[in-house]
Amino acid sequence: MLDLSLKFLTVLFAGVTVWRALAEYKQNRIQREKDLRWKQAEAAKKIIDEWLEEPLAFNVCKMIEYENRYFTNEEGKKFHVNTELIKLALSIEQDDNHLNQVNNRYVRDAFDSFLYYCELMNQGLQSQLYLIEDLKFPLNYYLLKMKEKKLFDCVAKYAKENLYNGALRLFERMSKEFN
């Protein structure tokens, strides 16, 4: 009888030990998933912060958000930017004289910087460094503003012409996910 009781207790103890081990394994896996998700959110925040701290890229946000803002070009002169100037500056059907105008160059340089960061964001998404929802704000806000001001097609055409294909994929994915 004692022998049977010992075997029962041994089996019971082994069962409890296996159950605890599985429960701990599950908890560890859940914690690792939470840690990974936290790191993904941090990586997205970092690229967004870099984008918004880069003066030219951030100026695109101002150009998109506000009509009739003033900026300082490379010659130190203030100039006025509105939707029409953006469309004109990004137009690929321009003559050489127009392309070299200082204000137009400034606008194109700013959009090049913005699109560069969009390329980086797309690369991060492809490598699963972060998730699309991590980029939703503020990027989706500015994409919606571009559409509202009828700038989206112009920017997309400029991006395509200048081989910012990753930025275009990012725009497309943002539109499918959030709009």
Foldseek 3Di string as FASTA:
>chain_A
DVVVVVVVVVVVVVVVVVVVVVVVVVVVVVVVVVVLQVQLLVVLVVLVVVQCVPVLQVVVLVQLPDAFDWDAWPVRDIDTHGPVLLLQLLDPPDDPVSVPDGVSVSSVVSLVSNLVSLLVVLVCCVVPSHHLVSNCPPVVVSCVSCVVSVNNVSSLVSCVVVVSVSSVVNSVVSVVPPD
